[in-house]
Amino acid sequence: MIDAGKLRACLVDQWGLAGPTVEVHNGGMNSATWFVSEAGERWVAKAVVPESRRSFAGGLAVAGHVEAGGIRAGAPVPTRQGNLVADVDGVPVALLTRVAGDGLQSTGPDEQRLIGSTWLVCTRRWPTCPAMTPNGSIGWTRERHTWRSGPGSGRR
Protein backbone atom coordinates (compact mmCIF):
# COMPACT_ATOMS: atom_id res chain seq x y z
CA MET A 1 0.00 0.00 0.00
CA ILE A 2 2.71 2.49 1.03
CA ASP A 3 6.45 2.31 0.48
CA ALA A 4 8.29 2.13 3.85
CA GLY A 5 10.68 4.90 2.78
CA LYS A 6 7.80 7.25 1.97
CA LEU A 7 6.09 6.40 5.27
CA ARG A 8 9.33 7.12 7.14
CA ALA A 9 9.64 10.49 5.33
CA CYS A 10 6.05 11.32 6.30
CA LEU A 11 6.73 10.48 9.95
CA VAL A 12 9.75 12.79 9.92
CA ASP A 13 7.96 15.62 8.10
CA GLN A 14 4.50 15.45 9.71
CA TRP A 15 5.21 14.13 13.22
CA GLY A 16 8.74 15.44 13.69
CA LEU A 17 10.35 12.07 14.33
CA ALA A 18 14.10 12.22 13.70
CA GLY A 19 14.90 8.76 12.39
CA PRO A 20 12.06 6.30 12.95
CA THR A 21 12.34 2.58 12.37
CA VAL A 22 9.34 1.19 10.46
CA GLU A 23 8.41 -2.51 10.58
CA VAL A 24 5.44 -3.99 8.73
CA HIS A 25 2.80 -5.22 11.18
CA ASN A 26 -0.13 -6.34 9.01
CA GLY A 27 -2.39 -6.51 12.03
CA GLY A 28 -4.94 -3.87 11.13
CA MET A 29 -8.55 -4.54 10.26
CA ASN A 30 -9.37 -2.96 6.88
CA SER A 31 -6.02 -1.18 7.01
CA ALA A 32 -2.29 -1.53 6.64
CA THR A 33 -0.26 -1.12 9.83
CA TRP A 34 3.37 -0.72 10.80
CA PHE A 35 5.22 -0.66 14.11
CA VAL A 36 7.14 2.58 14.44
CA SER A 37 9.95 3.06 16.94
CA GLU A 38 12.44 5.74 17.81
CA ALA A 39 14.61 6.34 20.87
CA GLY A 40 12.88 3.60 22.90
CA GLU A 41 9.33 4.77 22.11
CA ARG A 42 6.86 2.74 20.02
CA TRP A 43 3.76 3.66 18.04
CA VAL A 44 1.61 2.15 15.33
CA ALA A 45 1.19 3.77 11.92
CA LYS A 46 -2.10 2.97 10.23
CA ALA A 47 -3.20 3.61 6.64
CA VAL A 48 -6.58 3.13 4.97
CA VAL A 49 -7.81 3.40 1.41
CA PRO A 50 -8.58 7.01 0.41
CA GLU A 51 -12.33 6.31 0.24
CA SER A 52 -12.29 5.55 3.98
CA ARG A 53 -10.72 8.87 5.01
CA ARG A 54 -13.85 10.30 6.64
CA SER A 55 -14.68 7.23 8.76
CA PHE A 56 -10.97 6.83 9.58
CA ALA A 57 -10.77 10.40 10.91
CA GLY A 58 -13.99 9.87 12.86
CA GLY A 59 -12.70 6.67 14.44
CA LEU A 60 -9.46 8.40 15.38
CA ALA A 61 -11.40 11.19 17.07
CA VAL A 62 -13.45 8.64 19.03
CA ALA A 63 -10.28 6.81 20.11
CA GLY A 64 -8.90 10.12 21.37
CA HIS A 65 -12.03 10.78 23.44
CA VAL A 66 -12.07 7.24 24.81
CA GLU A 67 -8.42 7.47 25.83
CA ALA A 68 -8.99 10.91 27.37
CA GLY A 69 -11.73 9.23 29.42
CA GLY A 70 -9.23 6.78 30.87
CA ILE A 71 -9.48 3.76 28.58
CA ARG A 72 -6.42 2.93 26.51
CA ALA A 73 -7.64 2.98 22.91
CA GLY A 74 -4.66 3.63 20.66
CA ALA A 75 -5.39 7.34 20.41
CA PRO A 76 -3.94 9.24 17.47
CA VAL A 77 -0.84 11.37 17.88
CA PRO A 78 -1.52 14.75 16.25
CA THR A 79 0.86 15.93 13.54
CA ARG A 80 3.00 18.99 14.18
CA GLN A 81 0.15 20.98 12.56
CA GLY A 82 -2.43 19.41 14.90
CA ASN A 83 -4.04 17.10 12.32
CA LEU A 84 -5.01 13.49 13.07
CA VAL A 85 -4.38 12.33 9.49
CA ALA A 86 -1.54 12.97 7.03
CA ASP A 87 -1.17 11.72 3.45
CA VAL A 88 1.39 9.55 1.72
CA ASP A 89 0.73 9.68 -2.03
CA GLY A 90 -2.96 10.37 -1.35
CA VAL A 91 -3.30 7.55 1.19
CA PRO A 92 -4.53 8.65 4.66
CA VAL A 93 -2.10 7.77 7.46
CA ALA A 94 -2.25 8.21 11.23
CA LEU A 95 0.26 7.64 14.00
CA LEU A 96 -1.32 5.92 17.00
CA THR A 97 -0.23 5.44 20.56
CA ARG A 98 0.64 1.80 21.05
CA VAL A 99 -1.47 -0.20 23.48
CA ALA A 100 0.58 -3.01 25.02
CA GLY A 101 -0.86 -6.50 24.95
CA ASP A 102 -1.95 -9.13 22.48
CA GLY A 103 -4.71 -8.32 20.02
CA LEU A 104 -8.03 -9.99 20.65
CA GLN A 105 -9.49 -12.37 18.13
CA SER A 106 -13.09 -11.95 19.39
CA THR A 107 -13.26 -15.67 20.05
CA GLY A 108 -13.63 -17.58 23.27
CA PRO A 109 -15.74 -16.70 26.29
CA ASP A 110 -13.02 -14.78 28.17
CA GLU A 111 -12.36 -12.45 25.25
CA GLN A 112 -16.08 -12.00 24.63
CA ARG A 113 -16.59 -11.04 28.30
CA LEU A 114 -13.68 -8.57 28.16
CA ILE A 115 -15.02 -6.95 25.00
CA GLY A 116 -18.54 -6.79 26.44
CA SER A 117 -17.51 -5.36 29.82
CA THR A 118 -15.27 -2.75 28.22
CA TRP A 119 -18.00 -1.82 25.75
CA LEU A 120 -20.44 -1.45 28.65
CA VAL A 121 -18.06 0.96 30.39
CA CYS A 122 -17.79 3.01 27.17
CA THR A 123 -21.51 3.17 26.50
CA ARG A 124 -22.21 4.21 30.09
CA ARG A 125 -19.49 6.85 29.95
CA TRP A 126 -20.57 8.23 26.56
CA PRO A 127 -24.23 7.21 26.13
CA THR A 128 -24.99 9.72 23.37
CA CYS A 129 -21.90 9.13 21.25
CA PRO A 130 -23.04 7.75 17.87
CA ALA A 131 -19.80 5.77 17.53
CA MET A 132 -20.69 3.69 20.59
CA THR A 133 -22.67 1.12 18.67
CA PRO A 134 -22.00 -2.61 18.24
CA ASN A 135 -20.44 -1.78 14.86
CA GLY A 136 -18.12 0.89 16.27
CA SER A 137 -14.47 1.08 15.32
CA ILE A 138 -12.69 0.64 18.64
CA GLY A 139 -10.17 -2.20 18.88
CA TRP A 140 -9.52 -4.20 22.03
CA THR A 141 -6.47 -5.85 23.57
CA ARG A 142 -6.11 -8.35 26.38
CA GLU A 143 -4.71 -5.63 28.63
CA ARG A 144 -7.54 -4.42 30.86
CA HIS A 145 -8.68 -0.83 30.67
CA THR A 146 -7.63 1.46 33.51
CA TRP A 147 -9.62 4.42 34.73
CA ARG A 148 -7.74 7.55 35.64
CA SER A 149 -8.54 8.62 39.16
CA GLY A 150 -9.14 12.09 40.50
CA PRO A 151 -11.77 14.82 40.23
CA GLY A 152 -13.67 14.82 36.96
CA SER A 153 -12.09 11.57 35.79
CA GLY A 154 -15.36 9.72 35.37
CA ARG A 155 -14.24 6.95 37.70
CA ARG A 156 -17.10 5.00 39.25
C-alpha atoms as a PDB file:
ATOM      1  CA  MET A   1       0.000   0.000   0.000  1.00  0.00           C
ATOM      2  CA  ILE A   2       2.713   2.486   1.026  1.00  0.00           C
ATOM      3  CA  ASP A   3       6.447   2.310   0.484  1.00  0.00           C
ATOM      4  CA  ALA A   4       8.291   2.135   3.850  1.00  0.00           C
ATOM      5  CA  GLY A   5      10.676   4.902   2.782  1.00  0.00           C
ATOM      6  CA  LYS A   6       7.801   7.247   1.966  1.00  0.00           C
ATOM      7  CA  LEU A   7       6.090   6.402   5.269  1.00  0.00           C
ATOM      8  CA  ARG A   8       9.326   7.120   7.143  1.00  0.00           C
ATOM      9  CA  ALA A   9       9.639  10.486   5.333  1.00  0.00           C
ATOM     10  CA  CYS A  10       6.047  11.324   6.297  1.00  0.00           C
ATOM     11  CA  LEU A  11       6.727  10.482   9.949  1.00  0.00           C
ATOM     12  CA  VAL A  12       9.746  12.795   9.919  1.00  0.00           C
ATOM     13  CA  ASP A  13       7.957  15.623   8.097  1.00  0.00           C
ATOM     14  CA  GLN A  14       4.503  15.450   9.713  1.00  0.00           C
ATOM     15  CA  TRP A  15       5.206  14.134  13.222  1.00  0.00           C
ATOM     16  CA  GLY A  16       8.741  15.438  13.690  1.00  0.00           C
ATOM     17  CA  LEU A  17      10.353  12.068  14.331  1.00  0.00           C
ATOM     18  CA  ALA A  18      14.096  12.221  13.704  1.00  0.00           C
ATOM     19  CA  GLY A  19      14.899   8.756  12.392  1.00  0.00           C
ATOM     20  CA  PRO A  20      12.058   6.304  12.953  1.00  0.00           C
ATOM     21  CA  THR A  21      12.336   2.582  12.366  1.00  0.00           C
ATOM     22  CA  VAL A  22       9.345   1.187  10.457  1.00  0.00           C
ATOM     23  CA  GLU A  23       8.407  -2.509  10.581  1.00  0.00           C
ATOM     24  CA  VAL A  24       5.437  -3.990   8.732  1.00  0.00           C
ATOM     25  CA  HIS A  25       2.801  -5.217  11.182  1.00  0.00           C
ATOM     26  CA  ASN A  26      -0.131  -6.342   9.006  1.00  0.00           C
ATOM     27  CA  GLY A  27      -2.388  -6.506  12.031  1.00  0.00           C
ATOM     28  CA  GLY A  28      -4.942  -3.870  11.131  1.00  0.00           C
ATOM     29  CA  MET A  29      -8.546  -4.541  10.255  1.00  0.00           C
ATOM     30  CA  ASN A  30      -9.374  -2.958   6.880  1.00  0.00           C
ATOM     31  CA  SER A  31      -6.023  -1.176   7.008  1.00  0.00           C
ATOM     32  CA  ALA A  32      -2.290  -1.532   6.641  1.00  0.00           C
ATOM     33  CA  THR A  33      -0.258  -1.120   9.830  1.00  0.00           C
ATOM     34  CA  TRP A  34       3.372  -0.724  10.803  1.00  0.00           C
ATOM     35  CA  PHE A  35       5.223  -0.665  14.110  1.00  0.00           C
ATOM     36  CA  VAL A  36       7.145   2.583  14.435  1.00  0.00           C
ATOM     37  CA  SER A  37       9.947   3.060  16.944  1.00  0.00           C
ATOM     38  CA  GLU A  38      12.437   5.742  17.812  1.00  0.00           C
ATOM     39  CA  ALA A  39      14.610   6.337  20.872  1.00  0.00           C
ATOM     40  CA  GLY A  40      12.876   3.603  22.902  1.00  0.00           C
ATOM     41  CA  GLU A  41       9.330   4.769  22.114  1.00  0.00           C
ATOM     42  CA  ARG A  42       6.858   2.745  20.017  1.00  0.00           C
ATOM     43  CA  TRP A  43       3.759   3.663  18.040  1.00  0.00           C
ATOM     44  CA  VAL A  44       1.613   2.147  15.326  1.00  0.00           C
ATOM     45  CA  ALA A  45       1.193   3.767  11.917  1.00  0.00           C
ATOM     46  CA  LYS A  46      -2.100   2.974  10.228  1.00  0.00           C
ATOM     47  CA  ALA A  47      -3.204   3.610   6.641  1.00  0.00           C
ATOM     48  CA  VAL A  48      -6.578   3.127   4.970  1.00  0.00           C
ATOM     49  CA  VAL A  49      -7.814   3.403   1.410  1.00  0.00           C
ATOM     50  CA  PRO A  50      -8.583   7.014   0.413  1.00  0.00           C
ATOM     51  CA  GLU A  51     -12.331   6.305   0.236  1.00  0.00           C
ATOM     52  CA  SER A  52     -12.289   5.551   3.981  1.00  0.00           C
ATOM     53  CA  ARG A  53     -10.716   8.866   5.009  1.00  0.00           C
ATOM     54  CA  ARG A  54     -13.854  10.299   6.643  1.00  0.00           C
ATOM     55  CA  SER A  55     -14.685   7.233   8.762  1.00  0.00           C
ATOM     56  CA  PHE A  56     -10.969   6.831   9.580  1.00  0.00           C
ATOM     57  CA  ALA A  57     -10.773  10.397  10.909  1.00  0.00           C
ATOM     58  CA  GLY A  58     -13.995   9.867  12.863  1.00  0.00           C
ATOM     59  CA  GLY A  59     -12.701   6.669  14.442  1.00  0.00           C
ATOM     60  CA  LEU A  60      -9.455   8.405  15.379  1.00  0.00           C
ATOM     61  CA  ALA A  61     -11.401  11.192  17.075  1.00  0.00           C
ATOM     62  CA  VAL A  62     -13.449   8.641  19.032  1.00  0.00           C
ATOM     63  CA  ALA A  63     -10.277   6.806  20.109  1.00  0.00           C
ATOM     64  CA  GLY A  64      -8.898  10.118  21.366  1.00  0.00           C
ATOM     65  CA  HIS A  65     -12.031  10.779  23.436  1.00  0.00           C
ATOM     66  CA  VAL A  66     -12.074   7.245  24.810  1.00  0.00           C
ATOM     67  CA  GLU A  67      -8.418   7.469  25.829  1.00  0.00           C
ATOM     68  CA  ALA A  68      -8.987  10.913  27.371  1.00  0.00           C
ATOM     69  CA  GLY A  69     -11.730   9.232  29.424  1.00  0.00           C
ATOM     70  CA  GLY A  70      -9.235   6.782  30.875  1.00  0.00           C
ATOM     71  CA  ILE A  71      -9.479   3.758  28.584  1.00  0.00           C
ATOM     72  CA  ARG A  72      -6.415   2.931  26.511  1.00  0.00           C
ATOM     73  CA  ALA A  73      -7.640   2.977  22.915  1.00  0.00           C
ATOM     74  CA  GLY A  74      -4.657   3.631  20.663  1.00  0.00           C
ATOM     75  CA  ALA A  75      -5.385   7.344  20.415  1.00  0.00           C
ATOM     76  CA  PRO A  76      -3.941   9.238  17.469  1.00  0.00           C
ATOM     77  CA  VAL A  77      -0.839  11.371  17.879  1.00  0.00           C
ATOM     78  CA  PRO A  78      -1.522  14.749  16.251  1.00  0.00           C
ATOM     79  CA  THR A  79       0.856  15.931  13.538  1.00  0.00           C
ATOM     80  CA  ARG A  80       2.999  18.992  14.183  1.00  0.00           C
ATOM     81  CA  GLN A  81       0.152  20.975  12.564  1.00  0.00           C
ATOM     82  CA  GLY A  82      -2.431  19.409  14.899  1.00  0.00           C
ATOM     83  CA  ASN A  83      -4.042  17.101  12.325  1.00  0.00           C
ATOM     84  CA  LEU A  84      -5.008  13.492  13.067  1.00  0.00           C
ATOM     85  CA  VAL A  85      -4.376  12.328   9.490  1.00  0.00           C
ATOM     86  CA  ALA A  86      -1.544  12.972   7.030  1.00  0.00           C
ATOM     87  CA  ASP A  87      -1.170  11.720   3.452  1.00  0.00           C
ATOM     88  CA  VAL A  88       1.394   9.551   1.716  1.00  0.00           C
ATOM     89  CA  ASP A  89       0.733   9.680  -2.029  1.00  0.00           C
ATOM     90  CA  GLY A  90      -2.957  10.370  -1.350  1.00  0.00           C
ATOM     91  CA  VAL A  91      -3.305   7.547   1.192  1.00  0.00           C
ATOM     92  CA  PRO A  92      -4.532   8.653   4.661  1.00  0.00           C
ATOM     93  CA  VAL A  93      -2.099   7.766   7.455  1.00  0.00           C
ATOM     94  CA  ALA A  94      -2.253   8.213  11.233  1.00  0.00           C
ATOM     95  CA  LEU A  95       0.260   7.642  13.999  1.00  0.00           C
ATOM     96  CA  LEU A  96      -1.322   5.923  16.999  1.00  0.00           C
ATOM     97  CA  THR A  97      -0.226   5.441  20.563  1.00  0.00           C
ATOM     98  CA  ARG A  98       0.644   1.801  21.054  1.00  0.00           C
ATOM     99  CA  VAL A  99      -1.466  -0.203  23.482  1.00  0.00           C
ATOM    100  CA  ALA A 100       0.575  -3.009  25.022  1.00  0.00           C
ATOM    101  CA  GLY A 101      -0.864  -6.501  24.955  1.00  0.00           C
ATOM    102  CA  ASP A 102      -1.951  -9.125  22.480  1.00  0.00           C
ATOM    103  CA  GLY A 103      -4.707  -8.322  20.024  1.00  0.00           C
ATOM    104  CA  LEU A 104      -8.033  -9.993  20.653  1.00  0.00           C
ATOM    105  CA  GLN A 105      -9.489 -12.374  18.126  1.00  0.00           C
ATOM    106  CA  SER A 106     -13.093 -11.949  19.392  1.00  0.00           C
ATOM    107  CA  THR A 107     -13.259 -15.668  20.051  1.00  0.00           C
ATOM    108  CA  GLY A 108     -13.633 -17.585  23.267  1.00  0.00           C
ATOM    109  CA  PRO A 109     -15.737 -16.698  26.285  1.00  0.00           C
ATOM    110  CA  ASP A 110     -13.025 -14.784  28.169  1.00  0.00           C
ATOM    111  CA  GLU A 111     -12.356 -12.453  25.250  1.00  0.00           C
ATOM    112  CA  GLN A 112     -16.078 -12.000  24.626  1.00  0.00           C
ATOM    113  CA  ARG A 113     -16.594 -11.040  28.297  1.00  0.00           C
ATOM    114  CA  LEU A 114     -13.685  -8.567  28.163  1.00  0.00           C
ATOM    115  CA  ILE A 115     -15.024  -6.949  25.001  1.00  0.00           C
ATOM    116  CA  GLY A 116     -18.539  -6.794  26.442  1.00  0.00           C
ATOM    117  CA  SER A 117     -17.514  -5.362  29.818  1.00  0.00           C
ATOM    118  CA  THR A 118     -15.268  -2.748  28.223  1.00  0.00           C
ATOM    119  CA  TRP A 119     -18.002  -1.818  25.753  1.00  0.00           C
ATOM    120  CA  LEU A 120     -20.436  -1.451  28.653  1.00  0.00           C
ATOM    121  CA  VAL A 121     -18.064   0.965  30.389  1.00  0.00           C
ATOM    122  CA  CYS A 122     -17.787   3.008  27.173  1.00  0.00           C
ATOM    123  CA  THR A 123     -21.512   3.167  26.503  1.00  0.00           C
ATOM    124  CA  ARG A 124     -22.210   4.210  30.090  1.00  0.00           C
ATOM    125  CA  ARG A 125     -19.489   6.846  29.952  1.00  0.00           C
ATOM    126  CA  TRP A 126     -20.567   8.227  26.558  1.00  0.00           C
ATOM    127  CA  PRO A 127     -24.230   7.210  26.133  1.00  0.00           C
ATOM    128  CA  THR A 128     -24.991   9.720  23.369  1.00  0.00           C
ATOM    129  CA  CYS A 129     -21.896   9.126  21.248  1.00  0.00           C
ATOM    130  CA  PRO A 130     -23.044   7.751  17.868  1.00  0.00           C
ATOM    131  CA  ALA A 131     -19.804   5.766  17.525  1.00  0.00           C
ATOM    132  CA  MET A 132     -20.689   3.689  20.593  1.00  0.00           C
ATOM    133  CA  THR A 133     -22.666   1.122  18.671  1.00  0.00           C
ATOM    134  CA  PRO A 134     -21.995  -2.606  18.241  1.00  0.00           C
ATOM    135  CA  ASN A 135     -20.444  -1.784  14.864  1.00  0.00           C
ATOM    136  CA  GLY A 136     -18.115   0.888  16.272  1.00  0.00           C
ATOM    137  CA  SER A 137     -14.473   1.081  15.318  1.00  0.00           C
ATOM    138  CA  ILE A 138     -12.687   0.636  18.636  1.00  0.00           C
ATOM    139  CA  GLY A 139     -10.171  -2.200  18.875  1.00  0.00           C
ATOM    140  CA  TRP A 140      -9.523  -4.199  22.030  1.00  0.00           C
ATOM    141  CA  THR A 141      -6.465  -5.851  23.565  1.00  0.00           C
ATOM    142  CA  ARG A 142      -6.105  -8.345  26.383  1.00  0.00           C
ATOM    143  CA  GLU A 143      -4.709  -5.635  28.626  1.00  0.00           C
ATOM    144  CA  ARG A 144      -7.538  -4.421  30.859  1.00  0.00           C
ATOM    145  CA  HIS A 145      -8.682  -0.833  30.668  1.00  0.00           C
ATOM    146  CA  THR A 146      -7.630   1.456  33.507  1.00  0.00           C
ATOM    147  CA  TRP A 147      -9.624   4.416  34.731  1.00  0.00           C
ATOM    148  CA  ARG A 148      -7.737   7.545  35.641  1.00  0.00           C
ATOM    149  CA  SER A 149      -8.539   8.622  39.157  1.00  0.00           C
ATOM    150  CA  GLY A 150      -9.137  12.089  40.497  1.00  0.00           C
ATOM    151  CA  PRO A 151     -11.767  14.819  40.227  1.00  0.00           C
ATOM    152  CA  GLY A 152     -13.672  14.823  36.962  1.00  0.00           C
ATOM    153  CA  SER A 153     -12.089  11.572  35.794  1.00  0.00           C
ATOM    154  CA  GLY A 154     -15.360   9.721  35.373  1.00  0.00           C
ATOM    155  CA  ARG A 155     -14.239   6.954  37.701  1.00  0.00           C
ATOM    156  CA  ARG A 156     -17.104   5.004  39.245  1.00  0.00           C
END
